[in-house]
């Protein structure tokens, strides 16, 4: 099951909370493959602590925010580029300000064109 989160240095703490909630809510038999787009920074020490065999975290570092206009604006537009940035058939995007309260494997029982 592939998931993606988009963050920057300012939102890294919230990203950690989201990932931690995903890990704690995950069923033992579920395997998560999580891509984290890290916009404008290269230090992933906080999120890498959560990495495990059944909870794989792959940071993708993009050196700058191509869409930046003012402060934090623009990282949301990377959602539109996910199919260009990731080599996967199906991915579920989660905003980093979410807290996951149950296993997400049910999402992958459906095969819609877009979610």
PDB file of N, CA and C in Angstrom:
ATOM      1  N   UNK A   1       0.848  -1.168   0.000  1.00  0.00           N
ATOM      2  CA  UNK A   1       0.000   0.000   0.000  1.00  0.00           C
ATOM      3  C   UNK A   1       0.893   1.231   0.000  1.00  0.00           C
ATOM      4  N   UNK A   2       0.717   2.075  -1.001  1.00  0.00           N
ATOM      5  CA  UNK A   2       1.543   3.273  -1.160  1.00  0.00           C
ATOM      6  C   UNK A   2       0.805   4.515  -0.674  1.00  0.00           C
ATOM      7  N   UNK A   3       1.512   5.291   0.132  1.00  0.00           N
ATOM      8  CA  UNK A   3       0.988   6.555   0.640  1.00  0.00           C
ATOM      9  C   UNK A   3       2.010   7.642   0.347  1.00  0.00           C
ATOM     10  N   UNK A   4       1.529   8.876   0.277  1.00  0.00           N
ATOM     11  CA  UNK A   4       2.445   9.997   0.081  1.00  0.00           C
ATOM     12  C   UNK A   4       2.006  11.160   0.958  1.00  0.00           C
ATOM     13  N   UNK A   5       3.005  11.841   1.523  1.00  0.00           N
ATOM     14  CA  UNK A   5       2.795  13.062   2.295  1.00  0.00           C
ATOM     15  C   UNK A   5       3.738  14.111   1.718  1.00  0.00           C
ATOM     16  N   UNK A   6       3.302  15.349   1.718  1.00  0.00           N
ATOM     17  CA  UNK A   6       4.123  16.458   1.210  1.00  0.00           C
ATOM     18  C   UNK A   6       4.348  17.417   2.369  1.00  0.00           C
ATOM     19  N   UNK A   7       5.622  17.738   2.634  1.00  0.00           N
ATOM     20  CA  UNK A   7       5.929  18.585   3.778  1.00  0.00           C
ATOM     21  C   UNK A   7       7.105  19.505   3.482  1.00  0.00           C
ATOM     22  N   UNK A   8       7.309  20.447   4.385  1.00  0.00           N
ATOM     23  CA  UNK A   8       8.510  21.273   4.390  1.00  0.00           C
ATOM     24  C   UNK A   8       9.018  21.305   5.825  1.00  0.00           C
ATOM     25  N   UNK A   9      10.095  22.016   6.069  1.00  0.00           N
ATOM     26  CA  UNK A   9      10.703  22.048   7.405  1.00  0.00           C
ATOM     27  C   UNK A   9       9.711  22.552   8.455  1.00  0.00           C
ATOM     28  N   UNK A  10       8.923  23.520   8.087  1.00  0.00           N
ATOM     29  CA  UNK A  10       7.958  24.110   9.008  1.00  0.00           C
ATOM     30  C   UNK A  10       6.880  23.108   9.448  1.00  0.00           C
ATOM     31  N   UNK A  11       6.529  22.187   8.583  1.00  0.00           N
ATOM     32  CA  UNK A  11       5.476  21.220   8.859  1.00  0.00           C
ATOM     33  C   UNK A  11       6.018  19.842   9.237  1.00  0.00           C
ATOM     34  N   UNK A  12       7.303  19.721   9.460  1.00  0.00           N
ATOM     35  CA  UNK A  12       7.912  18.419   9.735  1.00  0.00           C
ATOM     36  C   UNK A  12       7.384  17.796  11.029  1.00  0.00           C
ATOM     37  N   UNK A  13       7.178  18.578  12.069  1.00  0.00           N
ATOM     38  CA  UNK A  13       6.641  18.044  13.322  1.00  0.00           C
ATOM     39  C   UNK A  13       5.249  17.447  13.104  1.00  0.00           C
ATOM     40  N   UNK A  14       4.396  18.147  12.356  1.00  0.00           N
ATOM     41  CA  UNK A  14       3.053  17.646  12.069  1.00  0.00           C
ATOM     42  C   UNK A  14       3.106  16.398  11.194  1.00  0.00           C
ATOM     43  N   UNK A  15       4.072  16.349  10.310  1.00  0.00           N
ATOM     44  CA  UNK A  15       4.286  15.171   9.480  1.00  0.00           C
ATOM     45  C   UNK A  15       4.621  13.971  10.360  1.00  0.00           C
ATOM     46  N   UNK A  16       5.484  14.211  11.339  1.00  0.00           N
ATOM     47  CA  UNK A  16       5.845  13.147  12.279  1.00  0.00           C
ATOM     48  C   UNK A  16       4.607  12.639  13.023  1.00  0.00           C
ATOM     49  N   UNK A  17       3.763  13.540  13.504  1.00  0.00           N
ATOM     50  CA  UNK A  17       2.548  13.151  14.233  1.00  0.00           C
ATOM     51  C   UNK A  17       1.629  12.335  13.329  1.00  0.00           C
ATOM     52  N   UNK A  18       1.453  12.763  12.090  1.00  0.00           N
ATOM     53  CA  UNK A  18       0.625  12.034  11.135  1.00  0.00           C
ATOM     54  C   UNK A  18       1.182  10.632  10.904  1.00  0.00           C
ATOM     55  N   UNK A  19       2.492  10.530  10.656  1.00  0.00           N
ATOM     56  CA  UNK A  19       3.119   9.233  10.430  1.00  0.00           C
ATOM     57  C   UNK A  19       3.012   8.338  11.666  1.00  0.00           C
ATOM     58  N   UNK A  20       3.237   8.907  12.817  1.00  0.00           N
ATOM     59  CA  UNK A  20       3.148   8.142  14.065  1.00  0.00           C
ATOM     60  C   UNK A  20       1.728   7.590  14.249  1.00  0.00           C
ATOM     61  N   UNK A  21       0.721   8.415  13.945  1.00  0.00           N
ATOM     62  CA  UNK A  21      -0.662   7.940  14.066  1.00  0.00           C
ATOM     63  C   UNK A  21      -0.950   6.837  13.047  1.00  0.00           C
ATOM     64  N   UNK A  22      -0.378   6.937  11.853  1.00  0.00           N
ATOM     65  CA  UNK A  22      -0.543   5.882  10.855  1.00  0.00           C
ATOM     66  C   UNK A  22       0.059   4.569  11.361  1.00  0.00           C
ATOM     67  N   UNK A  23       1.241   4.676  11.926  1.00  0.00           N
ATOM     68  CA  UNK A  23       1.942   3.481  12.406  1.00  0.00           C
ATOM     69  C   UNK A  23       1.209   2.837  13.583  1.00  0.00           C
ATOM     70  N   UNK A  24       0.726   3.641  14.508  1.00  0.00           N
ATOM     71  CA  UNK A  24       0.020   3.107  15.677  1.00  0.00           C
ATOM     72  C   UNK A  24      -1.347   2.522  15.323  1.00  0.00           C
ATOM     73  N   UNK A  25      -1.960   3.018  14.253  1.00  0.00           N
ATOM     74  CA  UNK A  25      -3.299   2.561  13.853  1.00  0.00           C
ATOM     75  C   UNK A  25      -3.271   1.390  12.884  1.00  0.00           C
ATOM     76  N   UNK A  26      -2.115   1.096  12.363  1.00  0.00           N
ATOM     77  CA  UNK A  26      -1.950   0.062  11.345  1.00  0.00           C
ATOM     78  C   UNK A  26      -2.138  -1.330  11.934  1.00  0.00           C
ATOM     79  N   UNK A  27      -2.839  -2.178  11.189  1.00  0.00           N
ATOM     80  CA  UNK A  27      -2.935  -3.579  11.584  1.00  0.00           C
ATOM     81  C   UNK A  27      -1.565  -4.231  11.442  1.00  0.00           C
ATOM     82  N   UNK A  28      -1.305  -5.214  12.267  1.00  0.00           N
ATOM     83  CA  UNK A  28      -0.003  -5.868  12.261  1.00  0.00           C
ATOM     84  C   UNK A  28       0.336  -6.493  10.901  1.00  0.00           C
ATOM     85  N   UNK A  29      -0.682  -7.009  10.216  1.00  0.00           N
ATOM     86  CA  UNK A  29      -0.431  -7.670   8.928  1.00  0.00           C
ATOM     87  C   UNK A  29      -0.329  -6.696   7.746  1.00  0.00           C
ATOM     88  N   UNK A  30      -0.610  -5.441   7.953  1.00  0.00           N
ATOM     89  CA  UNK A  30      -0.539  -4.441   6.879  1.00  0.00           C
ATOM     90  C   UNK A  30       0.892  -3.975   6.660  1.00  0.00           C
ATOM     91  N   UNK A  31       1.210  -3.732   5.404  1.00  0.00           N
ATOM     92  CA  UNK A  31       2.513  -3.185   5.033  1.00  0.00           C
ATOM     93  C   UNK A  31       2.300  -1.858   4.335  1.00  0.00           C
ATOM     94  N   UNK A  32       2.911  -0.823   4.862  1.00  0.00           N
ATOM     95  CA  UNK A  32       2.787   0.518   4.297  1.00  0.00           C
ATOM     96  C   UNK A  32       4.109   0.919   3.652  1.00  0.00           C
ATOM     97  N   UNK A  33       3.989   1.484   2.481  1.00  0.00           N
ATOM     98  CA  UNK A  33       5.127   2.068   1.776  1.00  0.00           C
ATOM     99  C   UNK A  33       4.824   3.566   1.661  1.00  0.00           C
ATOM    100  N   UNK A  34       5.577   4.383   2.382  1.00  0.00           N
ATOM    101  CA  UNK A  34       5.242   5.800   2.490  1.00  0.00           C
ATOM    102  C   UNK A  34       6.326   6.656   1.856  1.00  0.00           C
ATOM    103  N   UNK A  35       5.910   7.494   0.922  1.00  0.00           N
ATOM    104  CA  UNK A  35       6.804   8.475   0.314  1.00  0.00           C
ATOM    105  C   UNK A  35       6.541   9.821   0.981  1.00  0.00           C
ATOM    106  N   UNK A  36       7.601  10.483   1.376  1.00  0.00           N
ATOM    107  CA  UNK A  36       7.462  11.799   1.983  1.00  0.00           C
ATOM    108  C   UNK A  36       8.238  12.785   1.116  1.00  0.00           C
ATOM    109  N   UNK A  37       7.501  13.669   0.429  1.00  0.00           N
ATOM    110  CA  UNK A  37       8.150  14.710  -0.358  1.00  0.00           C
ATOM    111  C   UNK A  37       8.597  15.795   0.603  1.00  0.00           C
ATOM    112  N   UNK A  38       9.894  15.980   0.711  1.00  0.00           N
ATOM    113  CA  UNK A  38      10.494  16.958   1.618  1.00  0.00           C
ATOM    114  C   UNK A  38      10.931  18.161   0.778  1.00  0.00           C
ATOM    115  N   UNK A  39      10.172  19.232   0.874  1.00  0.00           N
ATOM    116  CA  UNK A  39      10.393  20.402   0.021  1.00  0.00           C
ATOM    117  C   UNK A  39      11.290  21.414   0.731  1.00  0.00           C
ATOM    118  N   UNK A  40      12.453  21.657   0.157  1.00  0.00           N
ATOM    119  CA  UNK A  40      13.326  22.723   0.626  1.00  0.00           C
ATOM    120  C   UNK A  40      14.173  22.420   1.843  1.00  0.00           C
ATOM    121  N   UNK A  41      14.302  21.155   2.218  1.00  0.00           N
ATOM    122  CA  UNK A  41      15.191  20.799   3.321  1.00  0.00           C
ATOM    123  C   UNK A  41      15.714  19.384   3.111  1.00  0.00           C
ATOM    124  N   UNK A  42      16.779  19.031   3.809  1.00  0.00           N
ATOM    125  CA  UNK A  42      17.390  17.731   3.593  1.00  0.00           C
ATOM    126  C   UNK A  42      17.621  16.933   4.854  1.00  0.00           C
ATOM    127  N   UNK A  43      16.974  17.279   5.951  1.00  0.00           N
ATOM    128  CA  UNK A  43      17.170  16.570   7.198  1.00  0.00           C
ATOM    129  C   UNK A  43      15.891  15.821   7.555  1.00  0.00           C
ATOM    130  N   UNK A  44      15.944  14.510   7.522  1.00  0.00           N
ATOM    131  CA  UNK A  44      14.752  13.692   7.768  1.00  0.00           C
ATOM    132  C   UNK A  44      14.874  12.863   9.038  1.00  0.00           C
ATOM    133  N   UNK A  45      15.758  13.261   9.952  1.00  0.00           N
ATOM    134  CA  UNK A  45      16.019  12.457  11.138  1.00  0.00           C
ATOM    135  C   UNK A  45      14.750  12.126  11.927  1.00  0.00           C
ATOM    136  N   UNK A  46      13.825  13.049  12.001  1.00  0.00           N
ATOM    137  CA  UNK A  46      12.618  12.855  12.800  1.00  0.00           C
ATOM    138  C   UNK A  46      11.738  11.748  12.224  1.00  0.00           C
ATOM    139  N   UNK A  47      11.500  11.785  10.926  1.00  0.00           N
ATOM    140  CA  UNK A  47      10.600  10.790  10.324  1.00  0.00           C
ATOM    141  C   UNK A  47      11.277   9.437  10.133  1.00  0.00           C
ATOM    142  N   UNK A  48      12.588   9.415   9.944  1.00  0.00           N
ATOM    143  CA  UNK A  48      13.280   8.148   9.740  1.00  0.00           C
ATOM    144  C   UNK A  48      13.257   7.263  10.980  1.00  0.00           C
ATOM    145  N   UNK A  49      13.061   7.845  12.143  1.00  0.00           N
ATOM    146  CA  UNK A  49      12.963   7.053  13.375  1.00  0.00           C
ATOM    147  C   UNK A  49      11.758   6.120  13.365  1.00  0.00           C
ATOM    148  N   UNK A  50      10.765   6.411  12.533  1.00  0.00           N
ATOM    149  CA  UNK A  50       9.553   5.595  12.458  1.00  0.00           C
ATOM    150  C   UNK A  50       9.667   4.448  11.459  1.00  0.00           C
ATOM    151  N   UNK A  51      10.705   4.450  10.640  1.00  0.00           N
ATOM    152  CA  UNK A  51      10.886   3.450   9.589  1.00  0.00           C
ATOM    153  C   UNK A  51      10.989   2.041  10.184  1.00  0.00           C
ATOM    154  N   UNK A  52      10.304   1.085   9.552  1.00  0.00           N
ATOM    155  CA  UNK A  52      10.350  -0.318   9.978  1.00  0.00           C
ATOM    156  C   UNK A  52      10.104  -1.195   8.762  1.00  0.00           C
ATOM    157  N   UNK A  53      10.266  -2.505   8.914  1.00  0.00           N
ATOM    158  CA  UNK A  53      10.080  -3.423   7.782  1.00  0.00           C
ATOM    159  C   UNK A  53       8.676  -3.355   7.197  1.00  0.00           C
ATOM    160  N   UNK A  54       7.671  -3.165   8.031  1.00  0.00           N
ATOM    161  CA  UNK A  54       6.291  -3.108   7.552  1.00  0.00           C
ATOM    162  C   UNK A  54       5.757  -1.674   7.466  1.00  0.00           C
ATOM    163  N   UNK A  55       6.655  -0.723   7.658  1.00  0.00           N
ATOM    164  CA  UNK A  55       6.298   0.698   7.621  1.00  0.00           C
ATOM    165  C   UNK A  55       7.470   1.455   6.998  1.00  0.00           C
ATOM    166  N   UNK A  56       7.641   1.248   5.680  1.00  0.00           N
ATOM    167  CA  UNK A  56       8.799   1.795   4.956  1.00  0.00           C
ATOM    168  C   UNK A  56       8.576   3.274   4.625  1.00  0.00           C
ATOM    169  N   UNK A  57       9.520   4.098   5.026  1.00  0.00           N
ATOM    170  CA  UNK A  57       9.449   5.530   4.744  1.00  0.00           C
ATOM    171  C   UNK A  57      10.563   5.877   3.772  1.00  0.00           C
ATOM    172  N   UNK A  58      10.175   6.455   2.628  1.00  0.00           N
ATOM    173  CA  UNK A  58      11.143   6.876   1.616  1.00  0.00           C
ATOM    174  C   UNK A  58      11.044   8.380   1.447  1.00  0.00           C
ATOM    175  N   UNK A  59      12.023   9.116   1.972  1.00  0.00           N
ATOM    176  CA  UNK A  59      11.995  10.571   1.761  1.00  0.00           C
ATOM    177  C   UNK A  59      12.452  10.905   0.345  1.00  0.00           C
ATOM    178  N   UNK A  60      11.808  11.871  -0.256  1.00  0.00           N
ATOM    179  CA  UNK A  60      12.213  12.374  -1.569  1.00  0.00           C
ATOM    180  C   UNK A  60      12.500  13.863  -1.380  1.00  0.00           C
ATOM    181  N   UNK A  61      13.753  14.223  -1.509  1.00  0.00           N
ATOM    182  CA  UNK A  61      14.165  15.592  -1.231  1.00  0.00           C
ATOM    183  C   UNK A  61      14.134  16.432  -2.506  1.00  0.00           C
ATOM    184  N   UNK A  62      13.392  17.510  -2.443  1.00  0.00           N
ATOM    185  CA  UNK A  62      13.353  18.488  -3.527  1.00  0.00           C
ATOM    186  C   UNK A  62      13.944  19.775  -2.954  1.00  0.00           C
ATOM    187  N   UNK A  63      15.013  20.242  -3.557  1.00  0.00           N
ATOM    188  CA  UNK A  63      15.814  21.299  -2.942  1.00  0.00           C
ATOM    189  C   UNK A  63      15.095  22.626  -2.738  1.00  0.00           C
ATOM    190  N   UNK A  64      14.100  22.890  -3.564  1.00  0.00           N
ATOM    191  CA  UNK A  64      13.396  24.165  -3.379  1.00  0.00           C
ATOM    192  C   UNK A  64      11.944  24.014  -3.794  1.00  0.00           C
ATOM    193  N   UNK A  65      11.150  24.925  -3.319  1.00  0.00           N
ATOM    194  CA  UNK A  65       9.728  24.935  -3.629  1.00  0.00           C
ATOM    195  C   UNK A  65       9.523  25.684  -4.945  1.00  0.00           C
ATOM    196  N   UNK A  66       9.232  24.958  -5.997  1.00  0.00           N
ATOM    197  CA  UNK A  66       9.052  25.569  -7.315  1.00  0.00           C
ATOM    198  C   UNK A  66       7.845  26.497  -7.373  1.00  0.00           C
ATOM    199  N   UNK A  67       6.901  26.286  -6.494  1.00  0.00           N
ATOM    200  CA  UNK A  67       5.659  27.048  -6.516  1.00  0.00           C
ATOM    201  C   UNK A  67       5.617  28.160  -5.476  1.00  0.00           C
ATOM    202  N   UNK A  68       6.713  28.369  -4.789  1.00  0.00           N
ATOM    203  CA  UNK A  68       6.714  29.318  -3.678  1.00  0.00           C
ATOM    204  C   UNK A  68       6.472  30.744  -4.164  1.00  0.00           C
ATOM    205  N   UNK A  69       5.527  31.370  -3.513  1.00  0.00           N
ATOM    206  CA  UNK A  69       5.263  32.777  -3.768  1.00  0.00           C
ATOM    207  C   UNK A  69       5.454  33.567  -2.492  1.00  0.00           C
ATOM    208  N   UNK A  70       4.954  33.011  -1.388  1.00  0.00           N
ATOM    209  CA  UNK A  70       4.981  33.732  -0.139  1.00  0.00           C
ATOM    210  C   UNK A  70       4.991  32.731   1.012  1.00  0.00           C
ATOM    211  N   UNK A  71       6.010  32.721   1.819  1.00  0.00           N
ATOM    212  CA  UNK A  71       6.119  31.898   3.017  1.00  0.00           C
ATOM    213  C   UNK A  71       5.924  30.419   2.698  1.00  0.00           C
ATOM    214  N   UNK A  72       4.818  29.803   3.114  1.00  0.00           N
ATOM    215  CA  UNK A  72       4.596  28.369   2.988  1.00  0.00           C
ATOM    216  C   UNK A  72       3.744  28.000   1.779  1.00  0.00           C
ATOM    217  N   UNK A  73       3.247  28.978   1.073  1.00  0.00           N
ATOM    218  CA  UNK A  73       2.337  28.727  -0.040  1.00  0.00           C
ATOM    219  C   UNK A  73       3.045  27.950  -1.143  1.00  0.00           C
ATOM    220  N   UNK A  74       2.366  26.990  -1.704  1.00  0.00           N
ATOM    221  CA  UNK A  74       2.885  26.311  -2.875  1.00  0.00           C
ATOM    222  C   UNK A  74       3.145  24.836  -2.729  1.00  0.00           C
ATOM    223  N   UNK A  75       3.458  24.348  -1.523  1.00  0.00           N
ATOM    224  CA  UNK A  75       3.780  22.917  -1.440  1.00  0.00           C
ATOM    225  C   UNK A  75       2.571  22.042  -1.764  1.00  0.00           C
ATOM    226  N   UNK A  76       1.369  22.569  -1.598  1.00  0.00           N
ATOM    227  CA  UNK A  76       0.167  21.791  -1.925  1.00  0.00           C
ATOM    228  C   UNK A  76       0.099  21.457  -3.414  1.00  0.00           C
ATOM    229  N   UNK A  77       0.714  22.266  -4.257  1.00  0.00           N
ATOM    230  CA  UNK A  77       0.674  22.018  -5.695  1.00  0.00           C
ATOM    231  C   UNK A  77       1.483  20.796  -6.110  1.00  0.00           C
ATOM    232  N   UNK A  78       2.355  20.322  -5.248  1.00  0.00           N
ATOM    233  CA  UNK A  78       3.109  19.113  -5.566  1.00  0.00           C
ATOM    234  C   UNK A  78       2.198  17.894  -5.680  1.00  0.00           C
ATOM    235  N   UNK A  79       1.010  17.956  -5.107  1.00  0.00           N
ATOM    236  CA  UNK A  79       0.041  16.861  -5.265  1.00  0.00           C
ATOM    237  C   UNK A  79      -0.269  16.631  -6.738  1.00  0.00           C
ATOM    238  N   UNK A  80      -0.229  17.698  -7.513  1.00  0.00           N
ATOM    239  CA  UNK A  80      -0.526  17.597  -8.941  1.00  0.00           C
ATOM    240  C   UNK A  80       0.590  16.918  -9.732  1.00  0.00           C
ATOM    241  N   UNK A  81       1.767  16.825  -9.145  1.00  0.00           N
ATOM    242  CA  UNK A  81       2.921  16.242  -9.823  1.00  0.00           C
ATOM    243  C   UNK A  81       3.262  14.830  -9.357  1.00  0.00           C
ATOM    244  N   UNK A  82       2.443  14.262  -8.508  1.00  0.00           N
ATOM    245  CA  UNK A  82       2.783  12.973  -7.916  1.00  0.00           C
ATOM    246  C   UNK A  82       3.032  11.888  -8.947  1.00  0.00           C
ATOM    247  N   UNK A  83       2.246  11.833 -10.001  1.00  0.00           N
ATOM    248  CA  UNK A  83       2.454  10.782 -10.992  1.00  0.00           C
ATOM    249  C   UNK A  83       3.769  10.964 -11.746  1.00  0.00           C
ATOM    250  N   UNK A  84       4.293  12.180 -11.781  1.00  0.00           N
ATOM    251  CA  UNK A  84       5.593  12.424 -12.409  1.00  0.00           C
ATOM    252  C   UNK A  84       6.751  12.128 -11.450  1.00  0.00           C
ATOM    253  N   UNK A  85       6.523  12.293 -10.152  1.00  0.00           N
ATOM    254  CA  UNK A  85       7.573  12.130  -9.158  1.00  0.00           C
ATOM    255  C   UNK A  85       7.708  10.712  -8.623  1.00  0.00           C
ATOM    256  N   UNK A  86       6.634   9.939  -8.674  1.00  0.00           N
ATOM    257  CA  UNK A  86       6.629   8.594  -8.095  1.00  0.00           C
ATOM    258  C   UNK A  86       6.394   7.545  -9.167  1.00  0.00           C
ATOM    259  N   UNK A  87       7.094   6.451  -9.056  1.00  0.00           N
ATOM    260  CA  UNK A  87       6.945   5.349 -10.002  1.00  0.00           C
ATOM    261  C   UNK A  87       6.090   4.253  -9.369  1.00  0.00           C
ATOM    262  N   UNK A  88       4.820   4.566  -9.155  1.00  0.00           N
ATOM    263  CA  UNK A  88       3.864   3.617  -8.592  1.00  0.00           C
ATOM    264  C   UNK A  88       2.557   3.729  -9.373  1.00  0.00           C
ATOM    265  N   UNK A  89       1.790   2.641  -9.387  1.00  0.00           N
ATOM    266  CA  UNK A  89       0.515   2.647 -10.098  1.00  0.00           C
ATOM    267  C   UNK A  89      -0.587   3.326  -9.305  1.00  0.00           C
ATOM    268  N   UNK A  90      -0.501   3.217  -7.984  1.00  0.00           N
ATOM    269  CA  UNK A  90      -1.586   3.694  -7.141  1.00  0.00           C
ATOM    270  C   UNK A  90      -0.987   4.256  -5.859  1.00  0.00           C
ATOM    271  N   UNK A  91      -1.423   5.446  -5.480  1.00  0.00           N
ATOM    272  CA  UNK A  91      -0.917   6.072  -4.263  1.00  0.00           C
ATOM    273  C   UNK A  91      -2.054   6.842  -3.602  1.00  0.00           C
ATOM    274  N   UNK A  92      -2.054   6.859  -2.292  1.00  0.00           N
ATOM    275  CA  UNK A  92      -3.054   7.583  -1.529  1.00  0.00           C
ATOM    276  C   UNK A  92      -2.357   8.742  -0.822  1.00  0.00           C
ATOM    277  N   UNK A  93      -2.799   9.960  -1.095  1.00  0.00           N
ATOM    278  CA  UNK A  93      -2.196  11.135  -0.478  1.00  0.00           C
ATOM    279  C   UNK A  93      -2.887  11.439   0.841  1.00  0.00           C
ATOM    280  N   UNK A  94      -2.092  11.756   1.852  1.00  0.00           N
ATOM    281  CA  UNK A  94      -2.617  12.156   3.153  1.00  0.00           C
ATOM    282  C   UNK A  94      -2.008  13.506   3.500  1.00  0.00           C
ATOM    283  N   UNK A  95      -2.849  14.464   3.859  1.00  0.00           N
ATOM    284  CA  UNK A  95      -2.340  15.757   4.326  1.00  0.00           C
ATOM    285  C   UNK A  95      -1.631  15.555   5.651  1.00  0.00           C
ATOM    286  N   UNK A  96      -0.548  16.299   5.859  1.00  0.00           N
ATOM    287  CA  UNK A  96       0.266  16.107   7.063  1.00  0.00           C
ATOM    288  C   UNK A  96      -0.404  16.615   8.333  1.00  0.00           C
ATOM    289  N   UNK A  97      -1.498  17.341   8.206  1.00  0.00           N
ATOM    290  CA  UNK A  97      -2.193  17.806   9.410  1.00  0.00           C
ATOM    291  C   UNK A  97      -3.321  16.855   9.816  1.00  0.00           C
ATOM    292  N   UNK A  98      -3.290  15.629   9.313  1.00  0.00           N
ATOM    293  CA  UNK A  98      -4.289  14.617   9.662  1.00  0.00           C
ATOM    294  C   UNK A  98      -3.751  13.692  10.750  1.00  0.00           C
ATOM    295  N   UNK A  99      -4.656  13.163  11.520  1.00  0.00           N
ATOM    296  CA  UNK A  99      -4.342  12.113  12.489  1.00  0.00           C
ATOM    297  C   UNK A  99      -5.143  10.891  12.075  1.00  0.00           C
ATOM    298  N   UNK A 100      -4.465   9.789  11.881  1.00  0.00           N
ATOM    299  CA  UNK A 100      -5.095   8.547  11.431  1.00  0.00           C
ATOM    300  C   UNK A 100      -5.522   7.748  12.653  1.00  0.00           C
ATOM    301  N   UNK A 101      -6.769   7.276  12.655  1.00  0.00           N
ATOM    302  CA  UNK A 101      -7.307   6.582  13.830  1.00  0.00           C
ATOM    303  C   UNK A 101      -7.624   5.107  13.583  1.00  0.00           C
ATOM    304  N   UNK A 102      -7.462   4.642  12.347  1.00  0.00           N
ATOM    305  CA  UNK A 102      -7.657   3.216  12.077  1.00  0.00           C
ATOM    306  C   UNK A 102      -6.806   2.822  10.871  1.00  0.00           C
ATOM    307  N   UNK A 103      -6.688   1.527  10.689  1.00  0.00           N
ATOM    308  CA  UNK A 103      -5.894   1.002   9.583  1.00  0.00           C
ATOM    309  C   UNK A 103      -6.425   1.518   8.244  1.00  0.00           C
ATOM    310  N   UNK A 104      -5.526   1.837   7.335  1.00  0.00           N
ATOM    311  CA  UNK A 104      -5.909   2.427   6.054  1.00  0.00           C
ATOM    312  C   UNK A 104      -6.001   1.424   4.909  1.00  0.00           C
ATOM    313  N   UNK A 105      -5.881   0.154   5.194  1.00  0.00           N
ATOM    314  CA  UNK A 105      -5.877  -0.843   4.121  1.00  0.00           C
ATOM    315  C   UNK A 105      -7.191  -0.897   3.350  1.00  0.00           C
ATOM    316  N   UNK A 106      -8.306  -0.508   3.980  1.00  0.00           N
ATOM    317  CA  UNK A 106      -9.591  -0.507   3.277  1.00  0.00           C
ATOM    318  C   UNK A 106      -9.593   0.412   2.059  1.00  0.00           C
ATOM    319  N   UNK A 107      -8.801   1.451   2.095  1.00  0.00           N
ATOM    320  CA  UNK A 107      -8.726   2.392   0.976  1.00  0.00           C
ATOM    321  C   UNK A 107      -8.284   1.678  -0.300  1.00  0.00           C
ATOM    322  N   UNK A 108      -7.469   0.656  -0.155  1.00  0.00           N
ATOM    323  CA  UNK A 108      -6.906  -0.015  -1.316  1.00  0.00           C
ATOM    324  C   UNK A 108      -7.788  -1.151  -1.841  1.00  0.00           C
ATOM    325  N   UNK A 109      -8.956  -1.326  -1.295  1.00  0.00           N
ATOM    326  CA  UNK A 109      -9.900  -2.298  -1.835  1.00  0.00           C
ATOM    327  C   UNK A 109     -10.645  -1.723  -3.026  1.00  0.00           C
ATOM    328  N   UNK A 110     -10.591  -0.416  -3.184  1.00  0.00           N
ATOM    329  CA  UNK A 110     -11.249   0.264  -4.296  1.00  0.00           C
ATOM    330  C   UNK A 110     -10.197   0.615  -5.325  1.00  0.00           C
ATOM    331  N   UNK A 111     -10.619   0.770  -6.563  1.00  0.00           N
ATOM    332  CA  UNK A 111      -9.668   1.105  -7.606  1.00  0.00           C
ATOM    333  C   UNK A 111     -10.215   2.263  -8.439  1.00  0.00           C
ATOM    334  N   UNK A 112     -10.452   3.404  -7.830  1.00  0.00           N
ATOM    335  CA  UNK A 112     -10.958   4.545  -8.611  1.00  0.00           C
ATOM    336  C   UNK A 112      -9.853   5.151  -9.447  1.00  0.00           C
ATOM    337  N   UNK A 113     -10.254   5.899 -10.423  1.00  0.00           N
ATOM    338  CA  UNK A 113      -9.265   6.572 -11.259  1.00  0.00           C
ATOM    339  C   UNK A 113      -8.540   7.651 -10.453  1.00  0.00           C
ATOM    340  N   UNK A 114      -9.270   8.383  -9.631  1.00  0.00           N
ATOM    341  CA  UNK A 114      -8.691   9.443  -8.815  1.00  0.00           C
ATOM    342  C   UNK A 114      -9.259   9.380  -7.410  1.00  0.00           C
ATOM    343  N   UNK A 115      -8.428   9.682  -6.438  1.00  0.00           N
ATOM    344  CA  UNK A 115      -8.913   9.873  -5.065  1.00  0.00           C
ATOM    345  C   UNK A 115      -8.384  11.222  -4.616  1.00  0.00           C
TER     346      UNK A 115
END
